[in-house]
N, C-alpha and C. Protein backbone atom coordinates (compact mmCIF):
# COMPACT_ATOMS: atom_id res chain seq x y z
N MET A 1 -148.24 233.38 -202.65
CA MET A 1 -147.05 233.00 -203.37
C MET A 1 -147.31 233.12 -204.86
N SER A 2 -146.28 233.43 -205.55
CA SER A 2 -146.41 233.63 -206.98
C SER A 2 -146.19 232.34 -207.73
N LYS A 3 -146.63 232.35 -209.00
CA LYS A 3 -146.46 231.18 -209.84
C LYS A 3 -145.01 230.83 -210.02
N CYS A 4 -144.18 231.83 -210.08
CA CYS A 4 -142.74 231.65 -210.29
C CYS A 4 -142.11 230.94 -209.10
N SER A 5 -142.52 231.30 -207.93
CA SER A 5 -141.99 230.67 -206.72
C SER A 5 -142.42 229.22 -206.63
N LEU A 6 -143.68 228.97 -206.95
CA LEU A 6 -144.17 227.60 -206.90
C LEU A 6 -143.45 226.74 -207.94
N TYR A 7 -143.19 227.35 -209.09
CA TYR A 7 -142.48 226.62 -210.15
C TYR A 7 -141.06 226.27 -209.69
N ASN A 8 -140.38 227.24 -209.05
CA ASN A 8 -139.01 227.00 -208.57
C ASN A 8 -138.99 225.94 -207.47
N ILE A 9 -139.99 225.96 -206.59
CA ILE A 9 -140.06 224.98 -205.52
C ILE A 9 -140.28 223.59 -206.11
N GLY A 10 -141.18 223.51 -207.06
CA GLY A 10 -141.45 222.23 -207.71
C GLY A 10 -140.22 221.73 -208.45
N GLN A 11 -139.54 222.64 -209.11
CA GLN A 11 -138.33 222.27 -209.85
C GLN A 11 -137.24 221.79 -208.88
N LEU A 12 -137.07 222.48 -207.78
CA LEU A 12 -136.08 222.09 -206.77
C LEU A 12 -136.42 220.72 -206.19
N ARG A 13 -137.71 220.52 -205.92
CA ARG A 13 -138.15 219.24 -205.38
C ARG A 13 -137.86 218.11 -206.37
N ASP A 14 -138.13 218.34 -207.64
CA ASP A 14 -137.85 217.33 -208.67
C ASP A 14 -136.35 217.04 -208.76
N GLU A 15 -135.54 218.08 -208.71
CA GLU A 15 -134.08 217.90 -208.77
C GLU A 15 -133.59 217.11 -207.54
N LEU A 16 -134.12 217.47 -206.37
CA LEU A 16 -133.74 216.75 -205.16
C LEU A 16 -134.16 215.29 -205.23
N ARG A 17 -135.34 215.03 -205.74
CA ARG A 17 -135.83 213.67 -205.88
C ARG A 17 -134.91 212.89 -206.83
N LYS A 18 -134.56 213.50 -207.96
CA LYS A 18 -133.68 212.83 -208.93
C LYS A 18 -132.31 212.53 -208.30
N GLU A 19 -131.76 213.52 -207.58
CA GLU A 19 -130.46 213.32 -206.93
C GLU A 19 -130.54 212.22 -205.87
N THR A 20 -131.65 212.21 -205.12
CA THR A 20 -131.84 211.19 -204.09
C THR A 20 -131.94 209.82 -204.72
N VAL A 21 -132.68 209.71 -205.80
CA VAL A 21 -132.81 208.43 -206.50
C VAL A 21 -131.46 208.00 -207.05
N GLN A 22 -130.70 208.96 -207.62
CA GLN A 22 -129.38 208.64 -208.16
C GLN A 22 -128.43 208.16 -207.05
N LEU A 23 -128.43 208.84 -205.91
CA LEU A 23 -127.60 208.43 -204.78
C LEU A 23 -128.02 207.05 -204.27
N ALA A 24 -129.29 206.78 -204.21
CA ALA A 24 -129.78 205.48 -203.76
C ALA A 24 -129.30 204.39 -204.72
N LYS A 25 -129.36 204.65 -206.03
CA LYS A 25 -128.88 203.67 -207.02
C LYS A 25 -127.38 203.42 -206.84
N GLU A 26 -126.61 204.51 -206.66
CA GLU A 26 -125.16 204.36 -206.46
C GLU A 26 -124.86 203.56 -205.20
N ASN A 27 -125.63 203.84 -204.15
CA ASN A 27 -125.43 203.09 -202.91
C ASN A 27 -125.76 201.61 -203.09
N LEU A 28 -126.82 201.33 -203.82
CA LEU A 28 -127.18 199.94 -204.09
C LEU A 28 -126.11 199.24 -204.93
N GLU A 29 -125.51 199.98 -205.85
CA GLU A 29 -124.44 199.41 -206.67
C GLU A 29 -123.20 199.09 -205.82
N LYS A 30 -122.99 199.87 -204.77
CA LYS A 30 -121.82 199.67 -203.90
C LYS A 30 -122.05 198.60 -202.83
N GLU A 31 -123.28 198.16 -202.66
CA GLU A 31 -123.60 197.19 -201.62
C GLU A 31 -122.79 195.89 -201.73
N PRO A 32 -122.62 195.29 -202.93
CA PRO A 32 -121.78 194.09 -203.01
C PRO A 32 -120.33 194.34 -202.56
N GLN A 33 -119.81 195.52 -202.90
CA GLN A 33 -118.44 195.87 -202.46
C GLN A 33 -118.39 195.98 -200.94
N ILE A 34 -119.41 196.58 -200.37
CA ILE A 34 -119.45 196.73 -198.92
C ILE A 34 -119.52 195.36 -198.25
N LEU A 35 -120.37 194.47 -198.80
CA LEU A 35 -120.47 193.12 -198.24
C LEU A 35 -119.14 192.38 -198.37
N GLU A 36 -118.47 192.54 -199.52
CA GLU A 36 -117.17 191.89 -199.72
C GLU A 36 -116.15 192.42 -198.71
N LEU A 37 -116.14 193.72 -198.50
CA LEU A 37 -115.21 194.30 -197.53
C LEU A 37 -115.53 193.83 -196.11
N ARG A 38 -116.81 193.70 -195.79
CA ARG A 38 -117.19 193.17 -194.47
C ARG A 38 -116.69 191.74 -194.30
N ASN A 39 -116.87 190.95 -195.37
CA ASN A 39 -116.38 189.56 -195.32
C ASN A 39 -114.87 189.51 -195.14
N GLN A 40 -114.17 190.35 -195.88
CA GLN A 40 -112.72 190.39 -195.76
C GLN A 40 -112.30 190.80 -194.35
N CYS A 41 -112.99 191.77 -193.78
CA CYS A 41 -112.68 192.21 -192.41
C CYS A 41 -112.92 191.06 -191.43
N THR A 42 -114.00 190.34 -191.62
CA THR A 42 -114.29 189.21 -190.75
C THR A 42 -113.21 188.14 -190.87
N ILE A 43 -112.80 187.86 -192.10
CA ILE A 43 -111.74 186.86 -192.31
C ILE A 43 -110.44 187.32 -191.66
N ILE A 44 -110.08 188.58 -191.87
CA ILE A 44 -108.84 189.11 -191.29
C ILE A 44 -108.92 189.05 -189.76
N ARG A 45 -110.04 189.47 -189.20
CA ARG A 45 -110.20 189.46 -187.75
C ARG A 45 -110.09 188.03 -187.21
N THR A 46 -110.75 187.10 -187.90
CA THR A 46 -110.71 185.70 -187.47
C THR A 46 -109.30 185.13 -187.56
N THR A 47 -108.62 185.45 -188.65
CA THR A 47 -107.25 184.97 -188.84
C THR A 47 -106.31 185.53 -187.78
N GLU A 48 -106.43 186.84 -187.55
CA GLU A 48 -105.58 187.46 -186.53
C GLU A 48 -105.88 186.91 -185.14
N LEU A 49 -107.14 186.67 -184.87
CA LEU A 49 -107.52 186.10 -183.57
C LEU A 49 -106.94 184.71 -183.42
N ALA A 50 -107.03 183.91 -184.47
CA ALA A 50 -106.48 182.55 -184.42
C ALA A 50 -104.97 182.60 -184.21
N ALA A 51 -104.29 183.50 -184.91
CA ALA A 51 -102.84 183.63 -184.75
C ALA A 51 -102.49 184.07 -183.33
N ALA A 52 -103.26 185.01 -182.80
CA ALA A 52 -103.00 185.49 -181.44
C ALA A 52 -103.25 184.37 -180.42
N GLN A 53 -104.31 183.59 -180.64
CA GLN A 53 -104.59 182.48 -179.72
C GLN A 53 -103.50 181.41 -179.80
N GLU A 54 -103.01 181.18 -181.00
CA GLU A 54 -101.92 180.21 -181.18
C GLU A 54 -100.66 180.69 -180.45
N LYS A 55 -100.35 181.96 -180.59
CA LYS A 55 -99.18 182.54 -179.93
C LYS A 55 -99.35 182.46 -178.41
N LEU A 56 -100.56 182.76 -177.94
CA LEU A 56 -100.84 182.69 -176.50
C LEU A 56 -100.66 181.26 -175.99
N ALA A 57 -101.15 180.30 -176.75
CA ALA A 57 -101.01 178.89 -176.34
C ALA A 57 -99.53 178.50 -176.28
N GLU A 58 -98.75 178.96 -177.25
CA GLU A 58 -97.31 178.66 -177.26
C GLU A 58 -96.62 179.29 -176.05
N LEU A 59 -96.98 180.53 -175.75
CA LEU A 59 -96.39 181.20 -174.58
C LEU A 59 -96.80 180.51 -173.28
N GLU A 60 -98.04 180.06 -173.20
CA GLU A 60 -98.50 179.32 -172.02
C GLU A 60 -97.71 178.02 -171.86
N ARG A 61 -97.47 177.34 -173.00
CA ARG A 61 -96.69 176.09 -172.96
C ARG A 61 -95.27 176.38 -172.49
N GLN A 62 -94.67 177.44 -173.01
CA GLN A 62 -93.31 177.81 -172.59
C GLN A 62 -93.27 178.16 -171.11
N LYS A 63 -94.31 178.84 -170.64
CA LYS A 63 -94.39 179.20 -169.22
C LYS A 63 -94.44 177.94 -168.36
N GLU A 64 -95.28 176.99 -168.76
CA GLU A 64 -95.39 175.73 -168.01
C GLU A 64 -94.07 174.98 -168.01
N GLU A 65 -93.39 174.94 -169.16
CA GLU A 65 -92.09 174.27 -169.24
C GLU A 65 -91.08 174.94 -168.31
N THR A 66 -91.09 176.25 -168.30
CA THR A 66 -90.17 177.00 -167.43
C THR A 66 -90.48 176.73 -165.97
N LEU A 67 -91.76 176.74 -165.63
CA LEU A 67 -92.14 176.47 -164.24
C LEU A 67 -91.75 175.05 -163.83
N LYS A 68 -91.92 174.10 -164.75
CA LYS A 68 -91.52 172.72 -164.44
C LYS A 68 -90.02 172.62 -164.24
N THR A 69 -89.27 173.33 -165.08
CA THR A 69 -87.82 173.27 -165.02
C THR A 69 -87.28 173.83 -163.70
N TYR A 70 -87.96 174.83 -163.19
CA TYR A 70 -87.46 175.48 -161.97
C TYR A 70 -88.33 175.23 -160.76
N SER A 71 -89.12 174.17 -160.79
CA SER A 71 -89.93 173.83 -159.61
C SER A 71 -89.00 173.32 -158.51
N PRO A 72 -89.38 173.46 -157.26
CA PRO A 72 -88.52 173.01 -156.16
C PRO A 72 -88.11 171.54 -156.27
N SER A 73 -89.04 170.68 -156.64
CA SER A 73 -88.70 169.25 -156.71
C SER A 73 -87.67 168.98 -157.81
N VAL A 74 -87.82 169.67 -158.95
CA VAL A 74 -86.86 169.48 -160.05
C VAL A 74 -85.49 170.02 -159.64
N LEU A 75 -85.48 171.18 -158.98
CA LEU A 75 -84.20 171.75 -158.54
C LEU A 75 -83.51 170.82 -157.54
N LEU A 76 -84.29 170.22 -156.63
CA LEU A 76 -83.72 169.26 -155.68
C LEU A 76 -83.13 168.06 -156.41
N GLU A 77 -83.85 167.57 -157.42
CA GLU A 77 -83.35 166.43 -158.20
C GLU A 77 -82.04 166.79 -158.91
N LYS A 78 -82.01 167.99 -159.50
CA LYS A 78 -80.79 168.42 -160.20
C LYS A 78 -79.62 168.55 -159.23
N LEU A 79 -79.89 169.09 -158.05
CA LEU A 79 -78.84 169.23 -157.04
C LEU A 79 -78.34 167.86 -156.60
N HIS A 80 -79.26 166.92 -156.42
CA HIS A 80 -78.87 165.56 -156.03
C HIS A 80 -78.04 164.90 -157.15
N ALA A 81 -78.45 165.10 -158.39
CA ALA A 81 -77.70 164.54 -159.51
C ALA A 81 -76.29 165.14 -159.57
N ALA A 82 -76.19 166.44 -159.29
CA ALA A 82 -74.88 167.09 -159.29
C ALA A 82 -74.00 166.53 -158.16
N MET A 83 -74.61 166.22 -157.03
CA MET A 83 -73.86 165.60 -155.93
C MET A 83 -73.31 164.24 -156.35
N ILE A 84 -74.15 163.45 -156.98
CA ILE A 84 -73.73 162.12 -157.43
C ILE A 84 -72.61 162.23 -158.46
N GLU A 85 -72.72 163.22 -159.34
CA GLU A 85 -71.69 163.42 -160.36
C GLU A 85 -70.33 163.74 -159.72
N VAL A 86 -70.33 164.61 -158.72
CA VAL A 86 -69.09 164.96 -158.03
C VAL A 86 -68.55 163.74 -157.28
N GLU A 87 -69.45 162.97 -156.69
CA GLU A 87 -69.04 161.75 -155.98
C GLU A 87 -68.33 160.80 -156.95
N GLU A 88 -68.90 160.64 -158.15
CA GLU A 88 -68.28 159.76 -159.15
C GLU A 88 -66.92 160.30 -159.60
N GLU A 89 -66.83 161.62 -159.76
CA GLU A 89 -65.53 162.22 -160.14
C GLU A 89 -64.49 161.96 -159.06
N SER A 90 -64.92 162.03 -157.80
CA SER A 90 -64.01 161.75 -156.69
C SER A 90 -63.50 160.31 -156.75
N GLU A 91 -64.41 159.39 -157.06
CA GLU A 91 -64.03 157.97 -157.17
C GLU A 91 -63.04 157.76 -158.31
N VAL A 92 -63.28 158.40 -159.43
CA VAL A 92 -62.37 158.28 -160.57
C VAL A 92 -60.99 158.81 -160.19
N LEU A 93 -60.98 159.93 -159.52
CA LEU A 93 -59.71 160.53 -159.09
C LEU A 93 -58.99 159.60 -158.12
N HIS A 94 -59.73 158.99 -157.20
CA HIS A 94 -59.15 158.07 -156.24
C HIS A 94 -58.54 156.86 -156.95
N ARG A 95 -59.26 156.34 -157.97
CA ARG A 95 -58.72 155.21 -158.74
C ARG A 95 -57.45 155.60 -159.49
N GLN A 96 -57.42 156.82 -160.00
CA GLN A 96 -56.22 157.29 -160.70
C GLN A 96 -55.03 157.33 -159.76
N LEU A 97 -55.26 157.73 -158.50
CA LEU A 97 -54.18 157.75 -157.51
C LEU A 97 -53.71 156.33 -157.23
N LEU A 98 -54.67 155.43 -157.02
CA LEU A 98 -54.31 154.04 -156.72
C LEU A 98 -53.57 153.38 -157.89
N ASP A 99 -53.95 153.76 -159.11
CA ASP A 99 -53.30 153.20 -160.30
C ASP A 99 -52.02 153.97 -160.65
N LYS A 100 -51.68 154.94 -159.79
CA LYS A 100 -50.49 155.77 -159.96
C LYS A 100 -50.49 156.56 -161.28
N GLU A 101 -51.70 156.96 -161.71
CA GLU A 101 -51.82 157.80 -162.91
C GLU A 101 -51.60 159.27 -162.59
N ILE A 102 -51.77 159.64 -161.31
CA ILE A 102 -51.50 161.02 -160.87
C ILE A 102 -50.70 160.97 -159.58
N ASP A 103 -50.00 162.06 -159.32
CA ASP A 103 -49.19 162.09 -158.08
C ASP A 103 -50.06 162.56 -156.91
N LEU A 104 -49.54 162.39 -155.72
CA LEU A 104 -50.29 162.67 -154.49
C LEU A 104 -50.67 164.14 -154.37
N ALA A 105 -49.77 165.06 -154.72
CA ALA A 105 -50.05 166.50 -154.60
C ALA A 105 -51.22 166.91 -155.50
N THR A 106 -51.21 166.40 -156.72
CA THR A 106 -52.31 166.71 -157.65
C THR A 106 -53.61 166.12 -157.14
N PHE A 107 -53.54 164.86 -156.66
CA PHE A 107 -54.72 164.20 -156.11
C PHE A 107 -55.31 165.00 -154.97
N VAL A 108 -54.48 165.41 -154.01
CA VAL A 108 -54.97 166.12 -152.82
C VAL A 108 -55.64 167.43 -153.23
N GLN A 109 -55.02 168.16 -154.15
CA GLN A 109 -55.58 169.45 -154.59
C GLN A 109 -56.95 169.24 -155.26
N LYS A 110 -57.04 168.33 -156.22
CA LYS A 110 -58.30 168.10 -156.94
C LYS A 110 -59.35 167.46 -156.04
N TYR A 111 -58.92 166.50 -155.21
CA TYR A 111 -59.86 165.80 -154.33
C TYR A 111 -60.48 166.76 -153.32
N LYS A 112 -59.66 167.66 -152.79
CA LYS A 112 -60.15 168.65 -151.81
C LYS A 112 -61.22 169.54 -152.47
N THR A 113 -60.97 169.98 -153.69
CA THR A 113 -61.93 170.82 -154.41
C THR A 113 -63.24 170.06 -154.66
N LEU A 114 -63.10 168.82 -155.11
CA LEU A 114 -64.30 168.02 -155.37
C LEU A 114 -65.10 167.77 -154.11
N ARG A 115 -64.43 167.43 -153.02
CA ARG A 115 -65.14 167.14 -151.77
C ARG A 115 -65.81 168.39 -151.21
N ASN A 116 -65.13 169.55 -151.33
CA ASN A 116 -65.77 170.80 -150.88
C ASN A 116 -67.05 171.06 -151.69
N THR A 117 -66.96 170.85 -152.99
CA THR A 117 -68.15 171.03 -153.85
C THR A 117 -69.25 170.06 -153.44
N TYR A 118 -68.89 168.79 -153.23
CA TYR A 118 -69.87 167.78 -152.84
C TYR A 118 -70.56 168.17 -151.54
N HIS A 119 -69.78 168.53 -150.53
CA HIS A 119 -70.36 168.83 -149.21
C HIS A 119 -71.20 170.12 -149.24
N ARG A 120 -70.77 171.09 -150.03
CA ARG A 120 -71.56 172.32 -150.17
C ARG A 120 -72.93 171.98 -150.76
N ARG A 121 -72.93 171.17 -151.82
CA ARG A 121 -74.19 170.77 -152.46
C ARG A 121 -75.03 169.90 -151.51
N ALA A 122 -74.39 169.03 -150.76
CA ALA A 122 -75.11 168.18 -149.83
C ALA A 122 -75.78 169.00 -148.74
N LEU A 123 -75.08 170.03 -148.24
CA LEU A 123 -75.67 170.89 -147.21
C LEU A 123 -76.85 171.69 -147.77
N ILE A 124 -76.70 172.20 -148.96
CA ILE A 124 -77.81 172.94 -149.59
C ILE A 124 -79.00 172.01 -149.80
N HIS A 125 -78.72 170.80 -150.27
CA HIS A 125 -79.78 169.81 -150.50
C HIS A 125 -80.50 169.49 -149.20
N LEU A 126 -79.75 169.25 -148.15
CA LEU A 126 -80.33 168.93 -146.85
C LEU A 126 -81.13 170.12 -146.30
N ALA A 127 -80.58 171.31 -146.42
CA ALA A 127 -81.29 172.49 -145.92
C ALA A 127 -82.61 172.70 -146.69
N ALA A 128 -82.55 172.47 -147.98
CA ALA A 128 -83.76 172.64 -148.80
C ALA A 128 -84.82 171.62 -148.43
N LYS A 129 -84.42 170.39 -148.22
CA LYS A 129 -85.37 169.34 -147.86
C LYS A 129 -85.98 169.58 -146.48
N THR A 130 -85.17 169.99 -145.53
CA THR A 130 -85.69 170.17 -144.17
C THR A 130 -86.51 171.45 -144.03
N SER A 131 -86.33 172.41 -144.93
CA SER A 131 -87.10 173.65 -144.85
C SER A 131 -88.45 173.52 -145.54
N GLY A 132 -88.73 172.35 -146.11
CA GLY A 132 -90.01 172.15 -146.78
C GLY A 132 -90.01 172.67 -148.20
N PHE A 133 -88.87 172.89 -148.76
CA PHE A 133 -88.71 173.43 -150.11
C PHE A 133 -89.14 172.48 -151.15
């Protein structure tokens, strides 16, 4: 090898070393920024996870409320309450007839509707109870 080639190789090596040192310095200068960005990512991830868990908990609570509202025992209770309500309406209507607040034709029409509703609900209630619902 010639002196010129060795000189060029040495010069290239020195330039590469300088560039490598310069890149290492730049990377070291960027390290605090990288750490800050990592911290920010961790905070964002943690915050988003907490928000998602909170949303999940709310949805679970809503699901439980919905299931409670439509459970067989609650539905039976609601049906029974509706039966009692119709029974009370029938009694009020009967009192109105006795107090002559309504005429017989109106009473018969409304009373028939109320009693049909009551008996329909009573049959559904009985069928539900006997079927193990």
